[in-house]
Amino acid sequence: MIGMQVALTVTQMLVRITGVVLLILGLLIWAEGMRDLVFAHTILGLVFVISLWLFAVVAGRLGAPVGLAAGVGVLGLIVVWLGMTQNGLLPGSSHWVIQILHLLVGMSAVGMAEALGGRLRRIRFAHA
């Protein structure tokens, strides 16, 4: 049980930290045209999604609602798909729509993970 608690804490902190760093990198790539940061953003994005999935699995095993944990996992799939395919979606002057969608989906993933963590804390405090 203690090992699961450590895994939950570590994965939640990874989701938080990588989420913030990804937001900063994404804004630098988009607003400042710093294209040399795309590779780092991609690799860190994969770390983010893997952490998100692990967090959802551990939270589910510790008693969080299965639907919410599954929703976080599915949102991770959407983040990966959108991140890896966004360059081919709506090319040209409308591409900013995809960039905004990518930003919103990524931020939603962080928010859903926070909601999942909060729900798990409330469940555990109610049973303590």
Protein backbone atom coordinates (compact mmCIF):
# COMPACT_ATOMS: atom_id res chain seq x y z
CA MET A 1 0.00 0.00 0.00
CA ILE A 2 2.83 2.42 0.81
CA GLY A 3 4.45 1.64 -2.55
CA MET A 4 1.22 2.59 -4.30
CA GLN A 5 1.07 5.84 -2.33
CA VAL A 6 4.61 6.70 -3.43
CA ALA A 7 3.78 5.83 -7.04
CA LEU A 8 0.66 8.02 -6.85
CA THR A 9 2.59 10.98 -5.45
CA VAL A 10 5.48 10.64 -7.90
CA THR A 11 3.25 10.32 -10.96
CA GLN A 12 1.04 13.22 -9.88
CA MET A 13 4.08 15.44 -9.38
CA LEU A 14 5.42 14.38 -12.79
CA VAL A 15 2.09 15.29 -14.40
CA ARG A 16 2.15 18.68 -12.69
CA ILE A 17 5.79 19.51 -13.44
CA THR A 18 5.82 18.27 -17.02
CA GLY A 19 2.48 19.96 -17.66
CA VAL A 20 3.86 23.36 -16.64
CA VAL A 21 7.13 22.91 -18.54
CA LEU A 22 5.22 21.75 -21.64
CA LEU A 23 3.02 24.82 -21.47
CA ILE A 24 6.08 27.07 -21.34
CA LEU A 25 7.84 25.22 -24.16
CA GLY A 26 4.69 25.20 -26.28
CA LEU A 27 4.22 28.94 -25.85
CA LEU A 28 7.86 29.55 -26.77
CA ILE A 29 7.50 27.41 -29.88
CA TRP A 30 4.25 29.07 -30.90
CA ALA A 31 4.75 32.71 -29.94
CA GLU A 32 8.50 33.05 -30.38
CA GLY A 33 8.99 30.61 -33.25
CA MET A 34 11.62 28.62 -31.31
CA ARG A 35 11.35 25.54 -33.55
CA ASP A 36 14.47 23.98 -32.03
CA LEU A 37 12.40 23.24 -28.90
CA VAL A 38 9.92 20.97 -30.72
CA PHE A 39 11.91 17.78 -30.08
CA ALA A 40 12.23 18.51 -26.35
CA HIS A 41 8.51 19.36 -26.23
CA THR A 42 7.66 16.06 -27.94
CA ILE A 43 9.81 13.92 -25.64
CA LEU A 44 8.55 15.70 -22.54
CA GLY A 45 5.01 15.29 -23.86
CA LEU A 46 5.51 11.53 -23.98
CA VAL A 47 6.80 11.58 -20.37
CA PHE A 48 3.71 13.61 -19.47
CA VAL A 49 1.30 11.13 -21.06
CA ILE A 50 3.02 8.07 -19.61
CA SER A 51 2.91 9.73 -16.17
CA LEU A 52 -0.75 10.57 -16.73
CA TRP A 53 -1.57 6.95 -17.60
CA LEU A 54 0.37 5.57 -14.63
CA PHE A 55 -1.33 8.08 -12.34
CA ALA A 56 -4.76 7.01 -13.61
CA VAL A 57 -3.97 3.31 -13.12
CA VAL A 58 -2.60 3.78 -9.61
CA ALA A 59 -5.48 6.06 -8.61
CA GLY A 60 -7.96 3.51 -9.92
CA ARG A 61 -6.29 0.74 -7.94
CA LEU A 62 -6.41 2.87 -4.80
CA GLY A 63 -10.17 3.32 -5.04
CA ALA A 64 -10.75 6.35 -7.27
CA PRO A 65 -13.83 6.17 -9.49
CA VAL A 66 -13.07 3.88 -12.42
CA GLY A 67 -14.86 6.13 -14.92
CA LEU A 68 -12.81 9.17 -13.94
CA ALA A 69 -9.56 7.19 -14.05
CA ALA A 70 -10.50 5.78 -17.46
CA GLY A 71 -11.39 9.27 -18.66
CA VAL A 72 -7.93 10.50 -17.71
CA GLY A 73 -6.41 7.58 -19.62
CA VAL A 74 -8.49 8.29 -22.71
CA LEU A 75 -7.61 11.97 -22.53
CA GLY A 76 -3.96 10.90 -22.52
CA LEU A 77 -4.58 9.04 -25.79
CA ILE A 78 -6.15 12.14 -27.30
CA VAL A 79 -3.17 14.26 -26.18
CA VAL A 80 -0.73 11.85 -27.86
CA TRP A 81 -2.78 11.60 -31.05
CA LEU A 82 -3.25 15.34 -31.34
CA GLY A 83 0.37 16.10 -30.50
CA MET A 84 1.75 13.65 -33.04
CA THR A 85 -0.63 14.55 -35.88
CA GLN A 86 -1.20 18.24 -35.39
CA ASN A 87 1.19 19.37 -38.14
CA GLY A 88 -0.97 17.66 -40.76
CA LEU A 89 -4.27 18.96 -39.43
CA LEU A 90 -5.70 22.13 -40.96
CA PRO A 91 -2.46 23.28 -42.58
CA GLY A 92 -2.19 26.89 -43.60
CA SER A 93 -3.78 29.94 -42.07
CA SER A 94 -6.30 27.91 -40.04
CA HIS A 95 -3.66 25.84 -38.24
CA TRP A 96 -3.91 28.06 -35.18
CA VAL A 97 -7.22 26.31 -34.42
CA ILE A 98 -5.37 23.00 -34.00
CA GLN A 99 -2.69 24.67 -31.90
CA ILE A 100 -5.33 26.08 -29.55
CA LEU A 101 -7.06 22.69 -29.42
CA HIS A 102 -3.74 21.04 -28.53
CA LEU A 103 -3.23 23.58 -25.75
CA LEU A 104 -6.74 23.09 -24.37
CA VAL A 105 -6.58 19.29 -24.47
CA GLY A 106 -3.21 19.30 -22.68
CA MET A 107 -4.46 21.69 -20.02
CA SER A 108 -7.62 19.59 -19.64
CA ALA A 109 -5.47 16.52 -19.05
CA VAL A 110 -3.67 18.26 -16.18
CA GLY A 111 -7.00 19.46 -14.79
CA MET A 112 -8.57 15.99 -15.01
CA ALA A 113 -5.56 14.49 -13.24
CA GLU A 114 -5.96 17.06 -10.48
CA ALA A 115 -9.68 16.26 -10.24
CA LEU A 116 -8.85 12.55 -10.02
CA GLY A 117 -6.30 13.18 -7.29
CA GLY A 118 -8.73 15.36 -5.37
CA ARG A 119 -11.50 12.79 -5.64
CA LEU A 120 -9.16 10.08 -4.37
CA ARG A 121 -8.10 12.25 -1.41
CA ARG A 122 -11.73 12.94 -0.47
CA ILE A 123 -12.59 9.23 -0.69
CA ARG A 124 -9.63 8.28 1.48
CA PHE A 125 -10.32 10.97 4.09
CA ALA A 126 -13.97 9.88 4.30
CA HIS A 127 -12.86 6.34 5.10
CA ALA A 128 -10.18 7.35 7.61
